[in-house]
């Protein structure tokens, strides 16, 4: 199921709505630090970056991972359950 969204990542990314900045700010204030794991289309990741967070993406589908990469986000292809933080991620 998780890999099905990469079939048309461009359209999926264009049609998703954004999220309220107030919620993003609340998450950052409530969190343990400025590092955020995320991915998908990168919509939320870019909002976090815009508020000063360091964002690293993890995604199971290489096609979907390419979409936020083209927008400048660092994304590693892996299942979250199997992922090991590496040199590209400051959330180790």
PDB file of N, CA and C in Angstrom:
ATOM      1  N   UNK A   1       0.821  -1.202   0.000  1.00  0.00           N
ATOM      2  CA  UNK A   1       0.000   0.000   0.000  1.00  0.00           C
ATOM      3  C   UNK A   1       0.866   1.268   0.000  1.00  0.00           C
ATOM      4  N   UNK A   2       1.915   1.270   0.832  1.00  0.00           N
ATOM      5  CA  UNK A   2       2.755   2.466   0.954  1.00  0.00           C
ATOM      6  C   UNK A   2       3.428   2.816  -0.362  1.00  0.00           C
ATOM      7  N   UNK A   3       3.675   1.827  -1.205  1.00  0.00           N
ATOM      8  CA  UNK A   3       4.341   2.084  -2.468  1.00  0.00           C
ATOM      9  C   UNK A   3       3.383   2.541  -3.563  1.00  0.00           C
ATOM     10  N   UNK A   4       2.095   2.494  -3.318  1.00  0.00           N
ATOM     11  CA  UNK A   4       1.123   2.857  -4.356  1.00  0.00           C
ATOM     12  C   UNK A   4       1.107   4.358  -4.649  1.00  0.00           C
ATOM     13  N   UNK A   5       1.505   5.209  -3.721  1.00  0.00           N
ATOM     14  CA  UNK A   5       1.447   6.656  -3.923  1.00  0.00           C
ATOM     15  C   UNK A   5       2.504   7.146  -4.906  1.00  0.00           C
ATOM     16  N   UNK A   6       3.572   6.381  -5.090  1.00  0.00           N
ATOM     17  CA  UNK A   6       4.627   6.769  -6.011  1.00  0.00           C
ATOM     18  C   UNK A   6       4.244   6.616  -7.474  1.00  0.00           C
ATOM     19  N   UNK A   7       3.143   5.943  -7.737  1.00  0.00           N
ATOM     20  CA  UNK A   7       2.700   5.729  -9.114  1.00  0.00           C
ATOM     21  C   UNK A   7       2.585   7.046  -9.868  1.00  0.00           C
ATOM     22  N   UNK A   8       2.036   8.061  -9.227  1.00  0.00           N
ATOM     23  CA  UNK A   8       1.923   9.391  -9.830  1.00  0.00           C
ATOM     24  C   UNK A   8       2.228  10.433  -8.757  1.00  0.00           C
ATOM     25  N   UNK A   9       3.469  10.424  -8.298  1.00  0.00           N
ATOM     26  CA  UNK A   9       3.881  11.298  -7.197  1.00  0.00           C
ATOM     27  C   UNK A   9       3.669  12.770  -7.511  1.00  0.00           C
ATOM     28  N   UNK A  10       3.890  13.170  -8.762  1.00  0.00           N
ATOM     29  CA  UNK A  10       3.711  14.577  -9.144  1.00  0.00           C
ATOM     30  C   UNK A  10       2.270  15.029  -8.898  1.00  0.00           C
ATOM     31  N   UNK A  11       1.320  14.263  -9.393  1.00  0.00           N
ATOM     32  CA  UNK A  11      -0.091  14.636  -9.221  1.00  0.00           C
ATOM     33  C   UNK A  11      -0.494  14.576  -7.753  1.00  0.00           C
ATOM     34  N   UNK A  12      -0.040  13.550  -7.068  1.00  0.00           N
ATOM     35  CA  UNK A  12      -0.340  13.412  -5.649  1.00  0.00           C
ATOM     36  C   UNK A  12       0.172  14.639  -4.889  1.00  0.00           C
ATOM     37  N   UNK A  13       1.389  15.053  -5.173  1.00  0.00           N
ATOM     38  CA  UNK A  13       1.971  16.212  -4.501  1.00  0.00           C
ATOM     39  C   UNK A  13       1.265  17.515  -4.826  1.00  0.00           C
ATOM     40  N   UNK A  14       0.800  17.655  -6.057  1.00  0.00           N
ATOM     41  CA  UNK A  14       0.101  18.885  -6.456  1.00  0.00           C
ATOM     42  C   UNK A  14      -1.288  18.998  -5.857  1.00  0.00           C
ATOM     43  N   UNK A  15      -1.942  17.878  -5.578  1.00  0.00           N
ATOM     44  CA  UNK A  15      -3.337  17.926  -5.138  1.00  0.00           C
ATOM     45  C   UNK A  15      -3.515  17.904  -3.627  1.00  0.00           C
ATOM     46  N   UNK A  16      -2.474  17.570  -2.892  1.00  0.00           N
ATOM     47  CA  UNK A  16      -2.605  17.571  -1.429  1.00  0.00           C
ATOM     48  C   UNK A  16      -2.686  19.001  -0.899  1.00  0.00           C
ATOM     49  N   UNK A  17      -3.513  19.204   0.098  1.00  0.00           N
ATOM     50  CA  UNK A  17      -3.563  20.549   0.698  1.00  0.00           C
ATOM     51  C   UNK A  17      -2.363  20.774   1.607  1.00  0.00           C
ATOM     52  N   UNK A  18      -2.119  22.014   1.939  1.00  0.00           N
ATOM     53  CA  UNK A  18      -1.069  22.336   2.887  1.00  0.00           C
ATOM     54  C   UNK A  18      -1.628  22.172   4.302  1.00  0.00           C
ATOM     55  N   UNK A  19      -0.852  22.544   5.270  1.00  0.00           N
ATOM     56  CA  UNK A  19      -1.247  22.395   6.664  1.00  0.00           C
ATOM     57  C   UNK A  19      -1.074  23.727   7.371  1.00  0.00           C
ATOM     58  N   UNK A  20      -1.870  23.983   8.408  1.00  0.00           N
ATOM     59  CA  UNK A  20      -1.775  25.263   9.128  1.00  0.00           C
ATOM     60  C   UNK A  20      -0.401  25.446   9.790  1.00  0.00           C
ATOM     61  N   UNK A  21       0.207  26.582   9.558  1.00  0.00           N
ATOM     62  CA  UNK A  21       1.520  26.867  10.148  1.00  0.00           C
ATOM     63  C   UNK A  21       1.473  26.855  11.675  1.00  0.00           C
ATOM     64  N   UNK A  22       0.332  27.225  12.252  1.00  0.00           N
ATOM     65  CA  UNK A  22       0.223  27.231  13.708  1.00  0.00           C
ATOM     66  C   UNK A  22       0.455  25.829  14.283  1.00  0.00           C
ATOM     67  N   UNK A  23      -0.028  24.808  13.592  1.00  0.00           N
ATOM     68  CA  UNK A  23       0.161  23.437  14.067  1.00  0.00           C
ATOM     69  C   UNK A  23       1.627  23.040  13.955  1.00  0.00           C
ATOM     70  N   UNK A  24       2.265  23.414  12.853  1.00  0.00           N
ATOM     71  CA  UNK A  24       3.681  23.104  12.677  1.00  0.00           C
ATOM     72  C   UNK A  24       4.488  23.752  13.802  1.00  0.00           C
ATOM     73  N   UNK A  25       4.187  24.991  14.105  1.00  0.00           N
ATOM     74  CA  UNK A  25       4.867  25.690  15.195  1.00  0.00           C
ATOM     75  C   UNK A  25       4.644  25.019  16.537  1.00  0.00           C
ATOM     76  N   UNK A  26       3.421  24.569  16.793  1.00  0.00           N
ATOM     77  CA  UNK A  26       3.127  23.890  18.055  1.00  0.00           C
ATOM     78  C   UNK A  26       3.902  22.583  18.182  1.00  0.00           C
ATOM     79  N   UNK A  27       4.022  21.868  17.087  1.00  0.00           N
ATOM     80  CA  UNK A  27       4.787  20.616  17.109  1.00  0.00           C
ATOM     81  C   UNK A  27       6.256  20.904  17.427  1.00  0.00           C
ATOM     82  N   UNK A  28       6.809  21.940  16.813  1.00  0.00           N
ATOM     83  CA  UNK A  28       8.213  22.277  17.085  1.00  0.00           C
ATOM     84  C   UNK A  28       8.416  22.691  18.533  1.00  0.00           C
ATOM     85  N   UNK A  29       7.504  23.461  19.074  1.00  0.00           N
ATOM     86  CA  UNK A  29       7.617  23.902  20.467  1.00  0.00           C
ATOM     87  C   UNK A  29       7.501  22.716  21.417  1.00  0.00           C
ATOM     88  N   UNK A  30       6.605  21.781  21.117  1.00  0.00           N
ATOM     89  CA  UNK A  30       6.370  20.632  21.988  1.00  0.00           C
ATOM     90  C   UNK A  30       7.427  19.541  21.819  1.00  0.00           C
ATOM     91  N   UNK A  31       8.175  19.559  20.725  1.00  0.00           N
ATOM     92  CA  UNK A  31       9.148  18.511  20.433  1.00  0.00           C
ATOM     93  C   UNK A  31      10.404  18.621  21.264  1.00  0.00           C
ATOM     94  N   UNK A  32      11.254  17.604  21.115  1.00  0.00           N
ATOM     95  CA  UNK A  32      12.484  17.548  21.888  1.00  0.00           C
ATOM     96  C   UNK A  32      13.644  18.302  21.229  1.00  0.00           C
ATOM     97  N   UNK A  33      13.419  18.843  20.053  1.00  0.00           N
ATOM     98  CA  UNK A  33      14.497  19.553  19.384  1.00  0.00           C
ATOM     99  C   UNK A  33      14.108  19.951  17.977  1.00  0.00           C
ATOM    100  N   UNK A  34      15.039  20.546  17.248  1.00  0.00           N
ATOM    101  CA  UNK A  34      14.722  21.079  15.929  1.00  0.00           C
ATOM    102  C   UNK A  34      14.825  20.077  14.784  1.00  0.00           C
ATOM    103  N   UNK A  35      15.115  18.797  15.075  1.00  0.00           N
ATOM    104  CA  UNK A  35      15.251  17.802  14.021  1.00  0.00           C
ATOM    105  C   UNK A  35      13.931  17.085  13.792  1.00  0.00           C
ATOM    106  N   UNK A  36      13.596  16.895  12.505  1.00  0.00           N
ATOM    107  CA  UNK A  36      12.315  16.293  12.142  1.00  0.00           C
ATOM    108  C   UNK A  36      12.545  15.221  11.094  1.00  0.00           C
ATOM    109  N   UNK A  37      11.915  14.062  11.280  1.00  0.00           N
ATOM    110  CA  UNK A  37      11.877  13.026  10.254  1.00  0.00           C
ATOM    111  C   UNK A  37      10.565  13.171   9.512  1.00  0.00           C
ATOM    112  N   UNK A  38      10.608  13.077   8.213  1.00  0.00           N
ATOM    113  CA  UNK A  38       9.389  13.169   7.440  1.00  0.00           C
ATOM    114  C   UNK A  38       9.646  12.799   6.007  1.00  0.00           C
ATOM    115  N   UNK A  39       8.621  12.763   5.200  1.00  0.00           N
ATOM    116  CA  UNK A  39       8.770  12.645   3.748  1.00  0.00           C
ATOM    117  C   UNK A  39       7.410  12.645   3.104  1.00  0.00           C
ATOM    118  N   UNK A  40       7.057  11.595   2.391  1.00  0.00           N
ATOM    119  CA  UNK A  40       5.873  11.649   1.547  1.00  0.00           C
ATOM    120  C   UNK A  40       6.139  12.639   0.441  1.00  0.00           C
ATOM    121  N   UNK A  41       5.243  13.562   0.241  1.00  0.00           N
ATOM    122  CA  UNK A  41       5.440  14.578  -0.799  1.00  0.00           C
ATOM    123  C   UNK A  41       6.377  15.687  -0.347  1.00  0.00           C
ATOM    124  N   UNK A  42       6.634  15.776   0.948  1.00  0.00           N
ATOM    125  CA  UNK A  42       7.506  16.821   1.480  1.00  0.00           C
ATOM    126  C   UNK A  42       6.781  18.100   1.839  1.00  0.00           C
ATOM    127  N   UNK A  43       5.454  18.120   1.710  1.00  0.00           N
ATOM    128  CA  UNK A  43       4.694  19.339   2.030  1.00  0.00           C
ATOM    129  C   UNK A  43       4.949  19.755   3.470  1.00  0.00           C
ATOM    130  N   UNK A  44       4.766  18.845   4.397  1.00  0.00           N
ATOM    131  CA  UNK A  44       4.958  19.166   5.809  1.00  0.00           C
ATOM    132  C   UNK A  44       6.439  19.408   6.107  1.00  0.00           C
ATOM    133  N   UNK A  45       7.307  18.630   5.471  1.00  0.00           N
ATOM    134  CA  UNK A  45       8.750  18.801   5.688  1.00  0.00           C
ATOM    135  C   UNK A  45       9.199  20.209   5.321  1.00  0.00           C
ATOM    136  N   UNK A  46       8.707  20.723   4.209  1.00  0.00           N
ATOM    137  CA  UNK A  46       9.097  22.081   3.802  1.00  0.00           C
ATOM    138  C   UNK A  46       8.548  23.125   4.773  1.00  0.00           C
ATOM    139  N   UNK A  47       7.385  22.888   5.342  1.00  0.00           N
ATOM    140  CA  UNK A  47       6.848  23.816   6.349  1.00  0.00           C
ATOM    141  C   UNK A  47       7.743  23.817   7.587  1.00  0.00           C
ATOM    142  N   UNK A  48       8.161  22.624   8.017  1.00  0.00           N
ATOM    143  CA  UNK A  48       9.074  22.542   9.160  1.00  0.00           C
ATOM    144  C   UNK A  48      10.393  23.247   8.854  1.00  0.00           C
ATOM    145  N   UNK A  49      10.936  23.033   7.659  1.00  0.00           N
ATOM    146  CA  UNK A  49      12.173  23.709   7.279  1.00  0.00           C
ATOM    147  C   UNK A  49      11.995  25.224   7.303  1.00  0.00           C
ATOM    148  N   UNK A  50      10.862  25.684   6.833  1.00  0.00           N
ATOM    149  CA  UNK A  50      10.580  27.110   6.815  1.00  0.00           C
ATOM    150  C   UNK A  50      10.525  27.719   8.206  1.00  0.00           C
ATOM    151  N   UNK A  51      10.312  26.874   9.215  1.00  0.00           N
ATOM    152  CA  UNK A  51      10.274  27.354  10.600  1.00  0.00           C
ATOM    153  C   UNK A  51      11.582  27.041  11.326  1.00  0.00           C
ATOM    154  N   UNK A  52      12.619  26.673  10.556  1.00  0.00           N
ATOM    155  CA  UNK A  52      13.945  26.497  11.142  1.00  0.00           C
ATOM    156  C   UNK A  52      14.333  25.085  11.514  1.00  0.00           C
ATOM    157  N   UNK A  53      13.501  24.109  11.238  1.00  0.00           N
ATOM    158  CA  UNK A  53      13.835  22.730  11.587  1.00  0.00           C
ATOM    159  C   UNK A  53      14.790  22.127  10.571  1.00  0.00           C
ATOM    160  N   UNK A  54      15.596  21.197  11.024  1.00  0.00           N
ATOM    161  CA  UNK A  54      16.442  20.374  10.155  1.00  0.00           C
ATOM    162  C   UNK A  54      15.611  19.144   9.815  1.00  0.00           C
ATOM    163  N   UNK A  55      15.347  18.912   8.533  1.00  0.00           N
ATOM    164  CA  UNK A  55      14.456  17.828   8.120  1.00  0.00           C
ATOM    165  C   UNK A  55      15.227  16.780   7.333  1.00  0.00           C
ATOM    166  N   UNK A  56      14.948  15.522   7.634  1.00  0.00           N
ATOM    167  CA  UNK A  56      15.479  14.394   6.889  1.00  0.00           C
ATOM    168  C   UNK A  56      14.312  13.484   6.562  1.00  0.00           C
ATOM    169  N   UNK A  57      14.219  13.035   5.316  1.00  0.00           N
ATOM    170  CA  UNK A  57      13.088  12.220   4.892  1.00  0.00           C
ATOM    171  C   UNK A  57      13.418  10.748   4.763  1.00  0.00           C
ATOM    172  N   UNK A  58      12.410   9.936   5.044  1.00  0.00           N
ATOM    173  CA  UNK A  58      12.494   8.494   4.867  1.00  0.00           C
ATOM    174  C   UNK A  58      11.245   8.081   4.101  1.00  0.00           C
ATOM    175  N   UNK A  59      11.429   7.307   3.046  1.00  0.00           N
ATOM    176  CA  UNK A  59      10.284   6.841   2.287  1.00  0.00           C
ATOM    177  C   UNK A  59      10.529   5.475   1.702  1.00  0.00           C
ATOM    178  N   UNK A  60       9.485   4.688   1.618  1.00  0.00           N
ATOM    179  CA  UNK A  60       9.601   3.319   1.143  1.00  0.00           C
ATOM    180  C   UNK A  60       9.625   3.228  -0.384  1.00  0.00           C
ATOM    181  N   UNK A  61       9.059   4.211  -1.066  1.00  0.00           N
ATOM    182  CA  UNK A  61       8.914   4.162  -2.519  1.00  0.00           C
ATOM    183  C   UNK A  61       9.921   5.094  -3.195  1.00  0.00           C
ATOM    184  N   UNK A  62      10.849   4.567  -3.988  1.00  0.00           N
ATOM    185  CA  UNK A  62      11.841   5.421  -4.640  1.00  0.00           C
ATOM    186  C   UNK A  62      11.222   6.490  -5.541  1.00  0.00           C
ATOM    187  N   UNK A  63      10.087   6.179  -6.157  1.00  0.00           N
ATOM    188  CA  UNK A  63       9.432   7.159  -7.031  1.00  0.00           C
ATOM    189  C   UNK A  63       8.905   8.333  -6.215  1.00  0.00           C
ATOM    190  N   UNK A  64       8.343   8.042  -5.062  1.00  0.00           N
ATOM    191  CA  UNK A  64       7.841   9.112  -4.196  1.00  0.00           C
ATOM    192  C   UNK A  64       9.003   9.888  -3.587  1.00  0.00           C
ATOM    193  N   UNK A  65      10.075   9.214  -3.247  1.00  0.00           N
ATOM    194  CA  UNK A  65      11.245   9.881  -2.657  1.00  0.00           C
ATOM    195  C   UNK A  65      11.844  10.895  -3.613  1.00  0.00           C
ATOM    196  N   UNK A  66      11.762  10.628  -4.903  1.00  0.00           N
ATOM    197  CA  UNK A  66      12.319  11.564  -5.891  1.00  0.00           C
ATOM    198  C   UNK A  66      11.578  12.896  -5.913  1.00  0.00           C
ATOM    199  N   UNK A  67      10.291  12.877  -5.606  1.00  0.00           N
ATOM    200  CA  UNK A  67       9.500  14.113  -5.649  1.00  0.00           C
ATOM    201  C   UNK A  67      10.030  15.158  -4.658  1.00  0.00           C
ATOM    202  N   UNK A  68      10.158  14.875  -3.362  1.00  0.00           N
ATOM    203  CA  UNK A  68      10.724  15.878  -2.449  1.00  0.00           C
ATOM    204  C   UNK A  68      12.214  16.126  -2.673  1.00  0.00           C
ATOM    205  N   UNK A  69      12.933  15.126  -3.182  1.00  0.00           N
ATOM    206  CA  UNK A  69      14.352  15.349  -3.498  1.00  0.00           C
ATOM    207  C   UNK A  69      14.505  16.458  -4.534  1.00  0.00           C
ATOM    208  N   UNK A  70      13.647  16.455  -5.529  1.00  0.00           N
ATOM    209  CA  UNK A  70      13.731  17.485  -6.570  1.00  0.00           C
ATOM    210  C   UNK A  70      13.435  18.872  -6.008  1.00  0.00           C
ATOM    211  N   UNK A  71      12.860  18.920  -4.815  1.00  0.00           N
ATOM    212  CA  UNK A  71      12.568  20.189  -4.161  1.00  0.00           C
ATOM    213  C   UNK A  71      13.599  20.499  -3.078  1.00  0.00           C
ATOM    214  N   UNK A  72      14.693  19.742  -3.066  1.00  0.00           N
ATOM    215  CA  UNK A  72      15.802  20.051  -2.168  1.00  0.00           C
ATOM    216  C   UNK A  72      15.830  19.330  -0.839  1.00  0.00           C
ATOM    217  N   UNK A  73      14.930  18.384  -0.598  1.00  0.00           N
ATOM    218  CA  UNK A  73      14.932  17.662   0.672  1.00  0.00           C
ATOM    219  C   UNK A  73      15.819  16.425   0.584  1.00  0.00           C
ATOM    220  N   UNK A  74      16.483  16.092   1.677  1.00  0.00           N
ATOM    221  CA  UNK A  74      17.249  14.853   1.773  1.00  0.00           C
ATOM    222  C   UNK A  74      16.282  13.729   2.115  1.00  0.00           C
ATOM    223  N   UNK A  75      16.237  12.709   1.252  1.00  0.00           N
ATOM    224  CA  UNK A  75      15.328  11.585   1.473  1.00  0.00           C
ATOM    225  C   UNK A  75      16.070  10.284   1.222  1.00  0.00           C
ATOM    226  N   UNK A  76      15.971   9.377   2.175  1.00  0.00           N
ATOM    227  CA  UNK A  76      16.544   8.046   2.043  1.00  0.00           C
ATOM    228  C   UNK A  76      15.408   7.057   1.789  1.00  0.00           C
ATOM    229  N   UNK A  77      15.636   6.102   0.901  1.00  0.00           N
ATOM    230  CA  UNK A  77      14.624   5.089   0.611  1.00  0.00           C
ATOM    231  C   UNK A  77      14.816   3.918   1.560  1.00  0.00           C
ATOM    232  N   UNK A  78      13.816   3.694   2.398  1.00  0.00           N
ATOM    233  CA  UNK A  78      13.836   2.583   3.355  1.00  0.00           C
ATOM    234  C   UNK A  78      12.470   2.491   4.023  1.00  0.00           C
ATOM    235  N   UNK A  79      12.150   1.314   4.528  1.00  0.00           N
ATOM    236  CA  UNK A  79      10.983   1.186   5.403  1.00  0.00           C
ATOM    237  C   UNK A  79      11.399   1.776   6.748  1.00  0.00           C
ATOM    238  N   UNK A  80      10.523   2.540   7.365  1.00  0.00           N
ATOM    239  CA  UNK A  80      10.864   3.158   8.640  1.00  0.00           C
ATOM    240  C   UNK A  80      11.280   2.098   9.657  1.00  0.00           C
ATOM    241  N   UNK A  81      10.597   0.963   9.638  1.00  0.00           N
ATOM    242  CA  UNK A  81      10.879  -0.099  10.594  1.00  0.00           C
ATOM    243  C   UNK A  81      12.290  -0.657  10.440  1.00  0.00           C
ATOM    244  N   UNK A  82      12.840  -0.574   9.227  1.00  0.00           N
ATOM    245  CA  UNK A  82      14.162  -1.124   8.939  1.00  0.00           C
ATOM    246  C   UNK A  82      15.260  -0.067   8.888  1.00  0.00           C
ATOM    247  N   UNK A  83      14.881   1.196   8.910  1.00  0.00           N
ATOM    248  CA  UNK A  83      15.812   2.302   8.700  1.00  0.00           C
ATOM    249  C   UNK A  83      16.787   2.437   9.865  1.00  0.00           C
ATOM    250  N   UNK A  84      18.042   2.716   9.515  1.00  0.00           N
ATOM    251  CA  UNK A  84      19.081   3.013  10.489  1.00  0.00           C
ATOM    252  C   UNK A  84      19.614   4.395  10.205  1.00  0.00           C
ATOM    253  N   UNK A  85      19.606   5.275  11.174  1.00  0.00           N
ATOM    254  CA  UNK A  85      20.114   6.634  10.971  1.00  0.00           C
ATOM    255  C   UNK A  85      21.564   6.561  10.522  1.00  0.00           C
ATOM    256  N   UNK A  86      21.856   7.288   9.437  1.00  0.00           N
ATOM    257  CA  UNK A  86      23.214   7.285   8.891  1.00  0.00           C
ATOM    258  C   UNK A  86      23.840   8.653   8.939  1.00  0.00           C
ATOM    259  N   UNK A  87      24.908   8.809   8.195  1.00  0.00           N
ATOM    260  CA  UNK A  87      25.675  10.049   8.215  1.00  0.00           C
ATOM    261  C   UNK A  87      24.876  11.238   7.696  1.00  0.00           C
ATOM    262  N   UNK A  88      23.900  11.026   6.827  1.00  0.00           N
ATOM    263  CA  UNK A  88      23.133  12.130   6.264  1.00  0.00           C
ATOM    264  C   UNK A  88      22.053  12.652   7.178  1.00  0.00           C
ATOM    265  N   UNK A  89      21.866  12.039   8.304  1.00  0.00           N
ATOM    266  CA  UNK A  89      20.766  12.405   9.199  1.00  0.00           C
ATOM    267  C   UNK A  89      21.305  12.820  10.556  1.00  0.00           C
ATOM    268  N   UNK A  90      20.917  13.996  10.990  1.00  0.00           N
ATOM    269  CA  UNK A  90      21.397  14.502  12.287  1.00  0.00           C
ATOM    270  C   UNK A  90      20.538  14.023  13.446  1.00  0.00           C
ATOM    271  N   UNK A  91      19.544  13.174  13.195  1.00  0.00           N
ATOM    272  CA  UNK A  91      18.657  12.719  14.265  1.00  0.00           C
ATOM    273  C   UNK A  91      19.137  11.431  14.913  1.00  0.00           C
ATOM    274  N   UNK A  92      20.403  11.093  14.778  1.00  0.00           N
ATOM    275  CA  UNK A  92      20.943   9.840  15.314  1.00  0.00           C
ATOM    276  C   UNK A  92      20.846   9.789  16.816  1.00  0.00           C
TER     277      UNK A  92
END
